All heavy atoms as atom14 arrays in JSON, in Angstrom:
{
  "sequence": "QEVYLEQTEPLIGVYREHGIVFEIDGMGEVDDVTKRIFEALDVVPQS",
  "atom14_mask": [
    [1, 1, 1, 1, 1, 1, 1, 1, 1, 0, 0, 0, 0, 0],
    [1, 1, 1, 1, 1, 1, 1, 1, 1, 0, 0, 0, 0, 0],
    [1, 1, 1, 1, 1, 1, 1, 0, 0, 0, 0, 0, 0, 0],
    [1, 1, 1, 1, 1, 1, 1, 1, 1, 1, 1, 1, 0, 0],
    [1, 1, 1, 1, 1, 1, 1, 1, 0, 0, 0, 0, 0, 0],
    [1, 1, 1, 1, 1, 1, 1, 1, 1, 0, 0, 0, 0, 0],
    [1, 1, 1, 1, 1, 1, 1, 1, 1, 0, 0, 0, 0, 0],
    [1, 1, 1, 1, 1, 1, 1, 0, 0, 0, 0, 0, 0, 0],
    [1, 1, 1, 1, 1, 1, 1, 1, 1, 0, 0, 0, 0, 0],
    [1, 1, 1, 1, 1, 1, 1, 0, 0, 0, 0, 0, 0, 0],
    [1, 1, 1, 1, 1, 1, 1, 1, 0, 0, 0, 0, 0, 0],
    [1, 1, 1, 1, 1, 1, 1, 1, 0, 0, 0, 0, 0, 0],
    [1, 1, 1, 1, 0, 0, 0, 0, 0, 0, 0, 0, 0, 0],
    [1, 1, 1, 1, 1, 1, 1, 0, 0, 0, 0, 0, 0, 0],
    [1, 1, 1, 1, 1, 1, 1, 1, 1, 1, 1, 1, 0, 0],
    [1, 1, 1, 1, 1, 1, 1, 1, 1, 1, 1, 0, 0, 0],
    [1, 1, 1, 1, 1, 1, 1, 1, 1, 0, 0, 0, 0, 0],
    [1, 1, 1, 1, 1, 1, 1, 1, 1, 1, 0, 0, 0, 0],
    [1, 1, 1, 1, 0, 0, 0, 0, 0, 0, 0, 0, 0, 0],
    [1, 1, 1, 1, 1, 1, 1, 1, 0, 0, 0, 0, 0, 0],
    [1, 1, 1, 1, 1, 1, 1, 0, 0, 0, 0, 0, 0, 0],
    [1, 1, 1, 1, 1, 1, 1, 1, 1, 1, 1, 0, 0, 0],
    [1, 1, 1, 1, 1, 1, 1, 1, 1, 0, 0, 0, 0, 0],
    [1, 1, 1, 1, 1, 1, 1, 1, 0, 0, 0, 0, 0, 0],
    [1, 1, 1, 1, 1, 1, 1, 1, 0, 0, 0, 0, 0, 0],
    [1, 1, 1, 1, 0, 0, 0, 0, 0, 0, 0, 0, 0, 0],
    [1, 1, 1, 1, 1, 1, 1, 1, 0, 0, 0, 0, 0, 0],
    [1, 1, 1, 1, 0, 0, 0, 0, 0, 0, 0, 0, 0, 0],
    [1, 1, 1, 1, 1, 1, 1, 1, 1, 0, 0, 0, 0, 0],
    [1, 1, 1, 1, 1, 1, 1, 0, 0, 0, 0, 0, 0, 0],
    [1, 1, 1, 1, 1, 1, 1, 1, 0, 0, 0, 0, 0, 0],
    [1, 1, 1, 1, 1, 1, 1, 1, 0, 0, 0, 0, 0, 0],
    [1, 1, 1, 1, 1, 1, 1, 0, 0, 0, 0, 0, 0, 0],
    [1, 1, 1, 1, 1, 1, 1, 0, 0, 0, 0, 0, 0, 0],
    [1, 1, 1, 1, 1, 1, 1, 1, 1, 0, 0, 0, 0, 0],
    [1, 1, 1, 1, 1, 1, 1, 1, 1, 1, 1, 0, 0, 0],
    [1, 1, 1, 1, 1, 1, 1, 1, 0, 0, 0, 0, 0, 0],
    [1, 1, 1, 1, 1, 1, 1, 1, 1, 1, 1, 0, 0, 0],
    [1, 1, 1, 1, 1, 1, 1, 1, 1, 0, 0, 0, 0, 0],
    [1, 1, 1, 1, 1, 0, 0, 0, 0, 0, 0, 0, 0, 0],
    [1, 1, 1, 1, 1, 1, 1, 1, 0, 0, 0, 0, 0, 0],
    [1, 1, 1, 1, 1, 1, 1, 1, 0, 0, 0, 0, 0, 0],
    [1, 1, 1, 1, 1, 1, 1, 0, 0, 0, 0, 0, 0, 0],
    [1, 1, 1, 1, 1, 1, 1, 0, 0, 0, 0, 0, 0, 0],
    [1, 1, 1, 1, 1, 1, 1, 0, 0, 0, 0, 0, 0, 0],
    [1, 1, 1, 1, 1, 1, 1, 1, 1, 0, 0, 0, 0, 0],
    [1, 1, 1, 1, 1, 1, 0, 0, 0, 0, 0, 0, 0, 0]
  ],
  "atom14_positions": [
    [[37.1, 4.53, 11.25], [36.02, 3.7, 10.7], [35.91, 2.39, 11.46], [34.8, 1.94, 11.76], [36.28, 3.41, 9.22], [36.04, 4.58, 8.31], [36.32, 4.23, 6.86], [37.25, 3.49, 6.54], [35.52, 4.77, 5.98], [0.0, 0.0, 0.0], [0.0, 0.0, 0.0], [0.0, 0.0, 0.0], [0.0, 0.0, 0.0], [0.0, 0.0, 0.0]],
    [[37.05, 1.77, 11.77], [37.05, 0.51, 12.51], [36.42, 0.71, 13.89], [35.59, -0.09, 14.33], [38.47, -0.02, 12.67], [39.11, -0.5, 11.39], [40.6, -0.77, 11.54], [41.13, -0.74, 12.68], [41.25, -1.01, 10.51], [0.0, 0.0, 0.0], [0.0, 0.0, 0.0], [0.0, 0.0, 0.0], [0.0, 0.0, 0.0], [0.0, 0.0, 0.0]],
    [[36.81, 1.78, 14.57], [36.28, 2.07, 15.9], [34.77, 2.3, 15.83], [34.01, 1.79, 16.66], [37.0, 3.29, 16.54], [36.28, 3.77, 17.79], [38.45, 2.94, 16.83], [0.0, 0.0, 0.0], [0.0, 0.0, 0.0], [0.0, 0.0, 0.0], [0.0, 0.0, 0.0], [0.0, 0.0, 0.0], [0.0, 0.0, 0.0], [0.0, 0.0, 0.0]],
    [[34.35, 3.04, 14.83], [32.91, 3.29, 14.65], [32.16, 1.96, 14.52], [31.15, 1.73, 15.19], [32.65, 4.18, 13.43], [31.19, 4.25, 13.07], [30.31, 5.05, 13.78], [30.68, 3.49, 12.02], [28.96, 5.09, 13.48], [29.34, 3.53, 11.7], [28.49, 4.32, 12.43], [27.15, 4.35, 12.12], [0.0, 0.0, 0.0], [0.0, 0.0, 0.0]],
    [[32.66, 1.09, 13.65], [31.98, -0.2, 13.44], [31.96, -1.04, 14.7], [30.93, -1.63, 15.05], [32.64, -0.96, 12.29], [32.42, -0.38, 10.9], [33.26, -1.12, 9.87], [30.95, -0.41, 10.52], [0.0, 0.0, 0.0], [0.0, 0.0, 0.0], [0.0, 0.0, 0.0], [0.0, 0.0, 0.0], [0.0, 0.0, 0.0], [0.0, 0.0, 0.0]],
    [[33.08, -1.07, 15.4], [33.17, -1.87, 16.63], [32.22, -1.35, 17.71], [31.54, -2.12, 18.38], [34.61, -1.83, 17.2], [35.63, -2.56, 16.37], [37.07, -2.21, 16.8], [37.26, -1.5, 17.82], [37.99, -2.63, 16.08], [0.0, 0.0, 0.0], [0.0, 0.0, 0.0], [0.0, 0.0, 0.0], [0.0, 0.0, 0.0], [0.0, 0.0, 0.0]],
    [[32.16, -0.03, 17.87], [31.41, 0.55, 18.98], [29.94, 0.8, 18.65], [29.1, 0.74, 19.53], [32.06, 1.86, 19.41], [33.43, 1.66, 20.01], [34.05, 2.98, 20.47], [33.5, 4.05, 20.26], [35.21, 2.88, 21.08], [0.0, 0.0, 0.0], [0.0, 0.0, 0.0], [0.0, 0.0, 0.0], [0.0, 0.0, 0.0], [0.0, 0.0, 0.0]],
    [[29.65, 1.1, 17.4], [28.31, 1.54, 17.06], [27.41, 0.4, 16.61], [26.2, 0.43, 16.88], [28.36, 2.64, 15.99], [29.25, 3.66, 16.45], [26.99, 3.24, 15.75], [0.0, 0.0, 0.0], [0.0, 0.0, 0.0], [0.0, 0.0, 0.0], [0.0, 0.0, 0.0], [0.0, 0.0, 0.0], [0.0, 0.0, 0.0], [0.0, 0.0, 0.0]],
    [[27.94, -0.59, 15.96], [27.1, -1.68, 15.46], [26.26, -2.33, 16.56], [25.07, -2.58, 16.35], [27.96, -2.72, 14.73], [27.15, -3.68, 13.89], [26.24, -3.02, 12.85], [26.67, -2.06, 12.19], [25.09, -3.46, 12.72], [0.0, 0.0, 0.0], [0.0, 0.0, 0.0], [0.0, 0.0, 0.0], [0.0, 0.0, 0.0], [0.0, 0.0, 0.0]],
    [[26.82, -2.58, 17.76], [25.98, -3.14, 18.82], [24.81, -2.22, 19.2], [23.73, -2.7, 19.53], [26.94, -3.32, 20.0], [28.3, -3.37, 19.39], [28.23, -2.49, 18.17], [0.0, 0.0, 0.0], [0.0, 0.0, 0.0], [0.0, 0.0, 0.0], [0.0, 0.0, 0.0], [0.0, 0.0, 0.0], [0.0, 0.0, 0.0], [0.0, 0.0, 0.0]],
    [[25.02, -0.92, 19.14], [23.96, 0.03, 19.49], [22.85, -0.01, 18.44], [21.65, -0.01, 18.78], [24.5, 1.45, 19.6], [25.74, 1.67, 20.46], [26.08, 3.14, 20.53], [25.55, 1.09, 21.84], [0.0, 0.0, 0.0], [0.0, 0.0, 0.0], [0.0, 0.0, 0.0], [0.0, 0.0, 0.0], [0.0, 0.0, 0.0], [0.0, 0.0, 0.0]],
    [[23.26, -0.04, 17.18], [22.28, -0.1, 16.1], [21.46, -1.39, 16.24], [20.25, -1.39, 16.04], [22.97, -0.02, 14.72], [23.61, 1.37, 14.55], [21.98, -0.29, 13.59], [24.52, 1.5, 13.34], [0.0, 0.0, 0.0], [0.0, 0.0, 0.0], [0.0, 0.0, 0.0], [0.0, 0.0, 0.0], [0.0, 0.0, 0.0], [0.0, 0.0, 0.0]],
    [[22.13, -2.48, 16.64], [21.44, -3.75, 16.85], [20.35, -3.64, 17.9], [19.25, -4.19, 17.73], [0.0, 0.0, 0.0], [0.0, 0.0, 0.0], [0.0, 0.0, 0.0], [0.0, 0.0, 0.0], [0.0, 0.0, 0.0], [0.0, 0.0, 0.0], [0.0, 0.0, 0.0], [0.0, 0.0, 0.0], [0.0, 0.0, 0.0], [0.0, 0.0, 0.0]],
    [[20.61, -2.92, 18.98], [19.6, -2.73, 20.03], [18.38, -2.01, 19.45], [17.24, -2.41, 19.67], [20.18, -1.93, 21.23], [19.08, -1.48, 22.18], [21.24, -2.74, 21.95], [0.0, 0.0, 0.0], [0.0, 0.0, 0.0], [0.0, 0.0, 0.0], [0.0, 0.0, 0.0], [0.0, 0.0, 0.0], [0.0, 0.0, 0.0], [0.0, 0.0, 0.0]],
    [[18.63, -0.94, 18.71], [17.52, -0.17, 18.14], [16.82, -0.95, 17.02], [15.61, -0.8, 16.83], [17.99, 1.19, 17.65], [18.39, 2.1, 18.8], [19.68, 2.59, 18.93], [17.45, 2.44, 19.78], [20.02, 3.41, 19.99], [17.79, 3.25, 20.85], [19.08, 3.74, 20.95], [19.42, 4.54, 22.01], [0.0, 0.0, 0.0], [0.0, 0.0, 0.0]],
    [[17.55, -1.78, 16.33], [16.95, -2.63, 15.29], [15.93, -3.57, 15.92], [14.86, -3.8, 15.36], [18.05, -3.41, 14.55], [17.59, -3.97, 13.23], [18.74, -4.59, 12.43], [19.42, -3.54, 11.68], [20.72, -3.26, 11.77], [21.5, -3.94, 12.57], [21.26, -2.29, 11.05], [0.0, 0.0, 0.0], [0.0, 0.0, 0.0], [0.0, 0.0, 0.0]],
    [[16.25, -4.09, 17.11], [15.31, -4.96, 17.83], [14.01, -4.22, 18.17], [12.96, -4.83, 18.27], [15.94, -5.49, 19.12], [17.04, -6.5, 18.88], [17.74, -6.91, 20.17], [17.24, -6.59, 21.28], [18.8, -7.55, 20.07], [0.0, 0.0, 0.0], [0.0, 0.0, 0.0], [0.0, 0.0, 0.0], [0.0, 0.0, 0.0], [0.0, 0.0, 0.0]],
    [[14.1, -2.9, 18.33], [12.91, -2.09, 18.63], [12.16, -1.7, 17.35], [11.1, -1.08, 17.42], [13.31, -0.82, 19.38], [13.78, -1.05, 20.77], [15.05, -1.51, 21.06], [13.15, -0.89, 21.96], [15.18, -1.62, 22.36], [14.05, -1.26, 22.94], [0.0, 0.0, 0.0], [0.0, 0.0, 0.0], [0.0, 0.0, 0.0], [0.0, 0.0, 0.0]],
    [[12.73, -2.05, 16.2], [12.07, -1.77, 14.92], [12.05, -0.31, 14.52], [11.17, 0.12, 13.77], [0.0, 0.0, 0.0], [0.0, 0.0, 0.0], [0.0, 0.0, 0.0], [0.0, 0.0, 0.0], [0.0, 0.0, 0.0], [0.0, 0.0, 0.0], [0.0, 0.0, 0.0], [0.0, 0.0, 0.0], [0.0, 0.0, 0.0], [0.0, 0.0, 0.0]],
    [[13.05, 0.46, 14.98], [13.03, 1.9, 14.67], [14.25, 2.35, 13.84], [14.48, 3.54, 13.69], [12.91, 2.76, 15.95], [14.08, 2.52, 16.9], [11.57, 2.5, 16.64], [14.11, 3.49, 18.09], [0.0, 0.0, 0.0], [0.0, 0.0, 0.0], [0.0, 0.0, 0.0], [0.0, 0.0, 0.0], [0.0, 0.0, 0.0], [0.0, 0.0, 0.0]],
    [[15.01, 1.4, 13.29], [16.2, 1.74, 12.5], [15.83, 1.9, 11.02], [15.15, 1.05, 10.44], [17.3, 0.67, 12.65], [18.44, 0.92, 11.67], [17.82, 0.66, 14.08], [0.0, 0.0, 0.0], [0.0, 0.0, 0.0], [0.0, 0.0, 0.0], [0.0, 0.0, 0.0], [0.0, 0.0, 0.0], [0.0, 0.0, 0.0], [0.0, 0.0, 0.0]],
    [[16.3, 2.99, 10.45], [16.13, 3.25, 9.02], [17.51, 3.45, 8.42], [18.16, 4.46, 8.7], [15.25, 4.5, 8.8], [13.85, 4.31, 9.29], [13.52, 4.56, 10.62], [12.86, 3.86, 8.43], [12.24, 4.37, 11.07], [11.57, 3.66, 8.88], [11.26, 3.91, 10.21], [0.0, 0.0, 0.0], [0.0, 0.0, 0.0], [0.0, 0.0, 0.0]],
    [[17.96, 2.47, 7.65], [19.26, 2.59, 6.99], [19.07, 3.36, 5.69], [18.25, 2.99, 4.86], [19.87, 1.21, 6.75], [20.27, 0.56, 8.05], [21.21, -0.61, 7.89], [22.07, -0.56, 6.98], [21.07, -1.56, 8.66], [0.0, 0.0, 0.0], [0.0, 0.0, 0.0], [0.0, 0.0, 0.0], [0.0, 0.0, 0.0], [0.0, 0.0, 0.0]],
    [[19.83, 4.42, 5.54], [19.71, 5.32, 4.4], [21.02, 5.32, 3.63], [22.1, 5.49, 4.21], [19.4, 6.77, 4.87], [18.2, 6.81, 5.82], [19.24, 7.7, 3.67], [16.9, 6.36, 5.24], [0.0, 0.0, 0.0], [0.0, 0.0, 0.0], [0.0, 0.0, 0.0], [0.0, 0.0, 0.0], [0.0, 0.0, 0.0], [0.0, 0.0, 0.0]],
    [[20.92, 5.17, 2.32], [22.08, 5.25, 1.45], [22.6, 6.69, 1.49], [21.92, 7.61, 1.06], [21.68, 4.85, 0.03], [22.82, 4.93, -0.97], [23.97, 5.28, -0.58], [22.59, 4.64, -2.16], [0.0, 0.0, 0.0], [0.0, 0.0, 0.0], [0.0, 0.0, 0.0], [0.0, 0.0, 0.0], [0.0, 0.0, 0.0], [0.0, 0.0, 0.0]],
    [[23.8, 6.86, 2.05], [24.39, 8.18, 2.19], [25.27, 8.58, 1.02], [25.97, 9.6, 1.1], [0.0, 0.0, 0.0], [0.0, 0.0, 0.0], [0.0, 0.0, 0.0], [0.0, 0.0, 0.0], [0.0, 0.0, 0.0], [0.0, 0.0, 0.0], [0.0, 0.0, 0.0], [0.0, 0.0, 0.0], [0.0, 0.0, 0.0], [0.0, 0.0, 0.0]],
    [[25.24, 7.8, -0.05], [26.06, 8.1, -1.24], [25.3, 9.05, -2.15], [24.08, 9.04, -2.2], [26.37, 6.81, -2.0], [27.14, 5.78, -1.2], [28.87, 6.16, -0.99], [29.5, 5.81, -2.61], [0.0, 0.0, 0.0], [0.0, 0.0, 0.0], [0.0, 0.0, 0.0], [0.0, 0.0, 0.0], [0.0, 0.0, 0.0], [0.0, 0.0, 0.0]],
    [[26.04, 9.88, -2.88], [25.43, 10.76, -3.86], [25.34, 12.19, -3.38], [25.98, 12.59, -2.4], [0.0, 0.0, 0.0], [0.0, 0.0, 0.0], [0.0, 0.0, 0.0], [0.0, 0.0, 0.0], [0.0, 0.0, 0.0], [0.0, 0.0, 0.0], [0.0, 0.0, 0.0], [0.0, 0.0, 0.0], [0.0, 0.0, 0.0], [0.0, 0.0, 0.0]],
    [[24.52, 12.94, -4.08], [24.36, 14.36, -3.78], [23.66, 14.55, -2.43], [22.79, 13.78, -2.06], [23.54, 15.05, -4.88], [24.21, 15.04, -6.24], [25.51, 15.83, -6.26], [25.58, 16.9, -5.62], [26.47, 15.35, -6.89], [0.0, 0.0, 0.0], [0.0, 0.0, 0.0], [0.0, 0.0, 0.0], [0.0, 0.0, 0.0], [0.0, 0.0, 0.0]],
    [[24.03, 15.6, -1.73], [23.49, 15.9, -0.41], [21.96, 15.99, -0.45], [21.27, 15.41, 0.4], [24.1, 17.21, 0.15], [23.42, 17.62, 1.44], [25.6, 17.05, 0.36], [0.0, 0.0, 0.0], [0.0, 0.0, 0.0], [0.0, 0.0, 0.0], [0.0, 0.0, 0.0], [0.0, 0.0, 0.0], [0.0, 0.0, 0.0], [0.0, 0.0, 0.0]],
    [[21.41, 16.67, -1.46], [19.96, 16.81, -1.56], [19.28, 15.46, -1.75], [18.18, 15.24, -1.23], [19.57, 17.74, -2.71], [19.92, 19.2, -2.44], [20.12, 19.55, -1.26], [19.97, 19.99, -3.4], [0.0, 0.0, 0.0], [0.0, 0.0, 0.0], [0.0, 0.0, 0.0], [0.0, 0.0, 0.0], [0.0, 0.0, 0.0], [0.0, 0.0, 0.0]],
    [[19.9, 14.57, -2.51], [19.33, 13.24, -2.74], [19.3, 12.43, -1.44], [18.32, 11.73, -1.16], [20.12, 12.47, -3.81], [20.0, 13.11, -5.19], [19.01, 13.84, -5.43], [20.91, 12.91, -6.01], [0.0, 0.0, 0.0], [0.0, 0.0, 0.0], [0.0, 0.0, 0.0], [0.0, 0.0, 0.0], [0.0, 0.0, 0.0], [0.0, 0.0, 0.0]],
    [[20.36, 12.54, -0.64], [20.41, 11.84, 0.64], [19.32, 12.39, 1.57], [18.59, 11.62, 2.2], [21.8, 11.96, 1.29], [21.81, 11.32, 2.68], [22.87, 11.32, 0.4], [0.0, 0.0, 0.0], [0.0, 0.0, 0.0], [0.0, 0.0, 0.0], [0.0, 0.0, 0.0], [0.0, 0.0, 0.0], [0.0, 0.0, 0.0], [0.0, 0.0, 0.0]],
    [[19.17, 13.71, 1.61], [18.14, 14.33, 2.43], [16.76, 13.83, 2.02], [15.93, 13.48, 2.88], [18.19, 15.87, 2.31], [19.5, 16.32, 2.66], [17.16, 16.54, 3.21], [0.0, 0.0, 0.0], [0.0, 0.0, 0.0], [0.0, 0.0, 0.0], [0.0, 0.0, 0.0], [0.0, 0.0, 0.0], [0.0, 0.0, 0.0], [0.0, 0.0, 0.0]],
    [[16.52, 13.76, 0.73], [15.23, 13.28, 0.23], [14.96, 11.85, 0.68], [13.86, 11.52, 1.12], [15.19, 13.38, -1.3], [13.88, 12.98, -1.91], [13.91, 13.11, -3.42], [12.58, 12.64, -3.98], [12.65, 12.38, -5.4], [0.0, 0.0, 0.0], [0.0, 0.0, 0.0], [0.0, 0.0, 0.0], [0.0, 0.0, 0.0], [0.0, 0.0, 0.0]],
    [[15.99, 10.99, 0.6], [15.82, 9.59, 1.03], [15.5, 9.51, 2.52], [14.67, 8.7, 2.95], [17.08, 8.78, 0.71], [17.26, 8.52, -0.78], [18.35, 7.49, -1.04], [19.7, 7.95, -0.87], [20.47, 8.48, -1.82], [20.02, 8.66, -3.05], [21.71, 8.83, -1.54], [0.0, 0.0, 0.0], [0.0, 0.0, 0.0], [0.0, 0.0, 0.0]],
    [[16.14, 10.37, 3.32], [15.87, 10.37, 4.76], [14.42, 10.74, 5.03], [13.71, 10.06, 5.79], [16.82, 11.34, 5.5], [18.25, 10.8, 5.47], [16.35, 11.56, 6.94], [19.3, 11.79, 5.94], [0.0, 0.0, 0.0], [0.0, 0.0, 0.0], [0.0, 0.0, 0.0], [0.0, 0.0, 0.0], [0.0, 0.0, 0.0], [0.0, 0.0, 0.0]],
    [[13.93, 11.8, 4.4], [12.56, 12.24, 4.66], [11.54, 11.24, 4.14], [10.48, 11.07, 4.75], [12.31, 13.65, 4.12], [12.87, 14.71, 5.04], [13.93, 15.5, 4.65], [12.34, 14.89, 6.3], [14.45, 16.45, 5.5], [12.85, 15.84, 7.17], [13.91, 16.63, 6.77], [0.0, 0.0, 0.0], [0.0, 0.0, 0.0], [0.0, 0.0, 0.0]],
    [[11.85, 10.58, 3.05], [10.94, 9.53, 2.55], [10.82, 8.42, 3.58], [9.73, 7.9, 3.83], [11.42, 8.99, 1.21], [11.18, 9.95, 0.06], [11.86, 9.52, -1.24], [12.61, 8.51, -1.25], [11.61, 10.19, -2.26], [0.0, 0.0, 0.0], [0.0, 0.0, 0.0], [0.0, 0.0, 0.0], [0.0, 0.0, 0.0], [0.0, 0.0, 0.0]],
    [[11.94, 8.05, 4.21], [11.91, 7.0, 5.24], [11.16, 7.48, 6.47], [10.36, 6.74, 7.05], [13.34, 6.59, 5.6], [0.0, 0.0, 0.0], [0.0, 0.0, 0.0], [0.0, 0.0, 0.0], [0.0, 0.0, 0.0], [0.0, 0.0, 0.0], [0.0, 0.0, 0.0], [0.0, 0.0, 0.0], [0.0, 0.0, 0.0], [0.0, 0.0, 0.0]],
    [[11.4, 8.72, 6.88], [10.77, 9.24, 8.09], [9.27, 9.49, 7.93], [8.55, 9.56, 8.92], [11.47, 10.53, 8.55], [12.91, 10.37, 9.05], [13.49, 11.73, 9.43], [13.0, 9.38, 10.19], [0.0, 0.0, 0.0], [0.0, 0.0, 0.0], [0.0, 0.0, 0.0], [0.0, 0.0, 0.0], [0.0, 0.0, 0.0], [0.0, 0.0, 0.0]],
    [[8.8, 9.61, 6.7], [7.37, 9.81, 6.46], [6.51, 8.7, 7.04], [5.35, 8.92, 7.35], [7.08, 9.94, 4.96], [7.31, 11.35, 4.45], [7.44, 12.27, 5.28], [7.35, 11.52, 3.21], [0.0, 0.0, 0.0], [0.0, 0.0, 0.0], [0.0, 0.0, 0.0], [0.0, 0.0, 0.0], [0.0, 0.0, 0.0], [0.0, 0.0, 0.0]],
    [[7.07, 7.51, 7.19], [6.28, 6.38, 7.69], [6.37, 6.21, 9.21], [5.75, 5.32, 9.76], [6.68, 5.05, 7.0], [6.52, 5.16, 5.5], [8.11, 4.65, 7.37], [0.0, 0.0, 0.0], [0.0, 0.0, 0.0], [0.0, 0.0, 0.0], [0.0, 0.0, 0.0], [0.0, 0.0, 0.0], [0.0, 0.0, 0.0], [0.0, 0.0, 0.0]],
    [[7.13, 7.07, 9.85], [7.36, 6.95, 11.29], [6.2, 7.59, 12.06], [5.95, 8.79, 11.9], [8.69, 7.62, 11.72], [8.85, 7.61, 13.22], [9.85, 6.96, 11.03], [0.0, 0.0, 0.0], [0.0, 0.0, 0.0], [0.0, 0.0, 0.0], [0.0, 0.0, 0.0], [0.0, 0.0, 0.0], [0.0, 0.0, 0.0], [0.0, 0.0, 0.0]],
    [[5.5, 6.78, 12.89], [4.48, 7.41, 13.74], [5.19, 8.25, 14.81], [6.21, 7.84, 15.35], [3.75, 6.22, 14.37], [4.68, 5.07, 14.23], [5.63, 5.37, 13.09], [0.0, 0.0, 0.0], [0.0, 0.0, 0.0], [0.0, 0.0, 0.0], [0.0, 0.0, 0.0], [0.0, 0.0, 0.0], [0.0, 0.0, 0.0], [0.0, 0.0, 0.0]],
    [[4.68, 9.42, 15.07], [5.34, 10.3, 16.04], [4.72, 10.12, 17.4], [3.51, 9.98, 17.53], [5.24, 11.75, 15.57], [6.02, 11.96, 14.28], [6.04, 13.41, 13.87], [5.62, 14.29, 14.59], [6.54, 13.67, 12.67], [0.0, 0.0, 0.0], [0.0, 0.0, 0.0], [0.0, 0.0, 0.0], [0.0, 0.0, 0.0], [0.0, 0.0, 0.0]],
    [[5.58, 10.13, 18.42], [5.1, 9.93, 19.79], [4.6, 11.22, 20.39], [4.87, 12.27, 19.94], [6.23, 9.36, 20.66], [7.32, 10.24, 20.72], [0.0, 0.0, 0.0], [0.0, 0.0, 0.0], [0.0, 0.0, 0.0], [0.0, 0.0, 0.0], [0.0, 0.0, 0.0], [0.0, 0.0, 0.0], [0.0, 0.0, 0.0], [0.0, 0.0, 0.0]]
  ]
}
């Protein structure tokens, strides 16, 4: 977990600057998490 935070947070920061990061609550039932992801992705314009 420590390594993930150390190595990945800077990468997320780069993408956050591009305005394309969607933080999703990964707690709870698998289906609920999936639903939250698709709700977030619904607003994403596709290239």
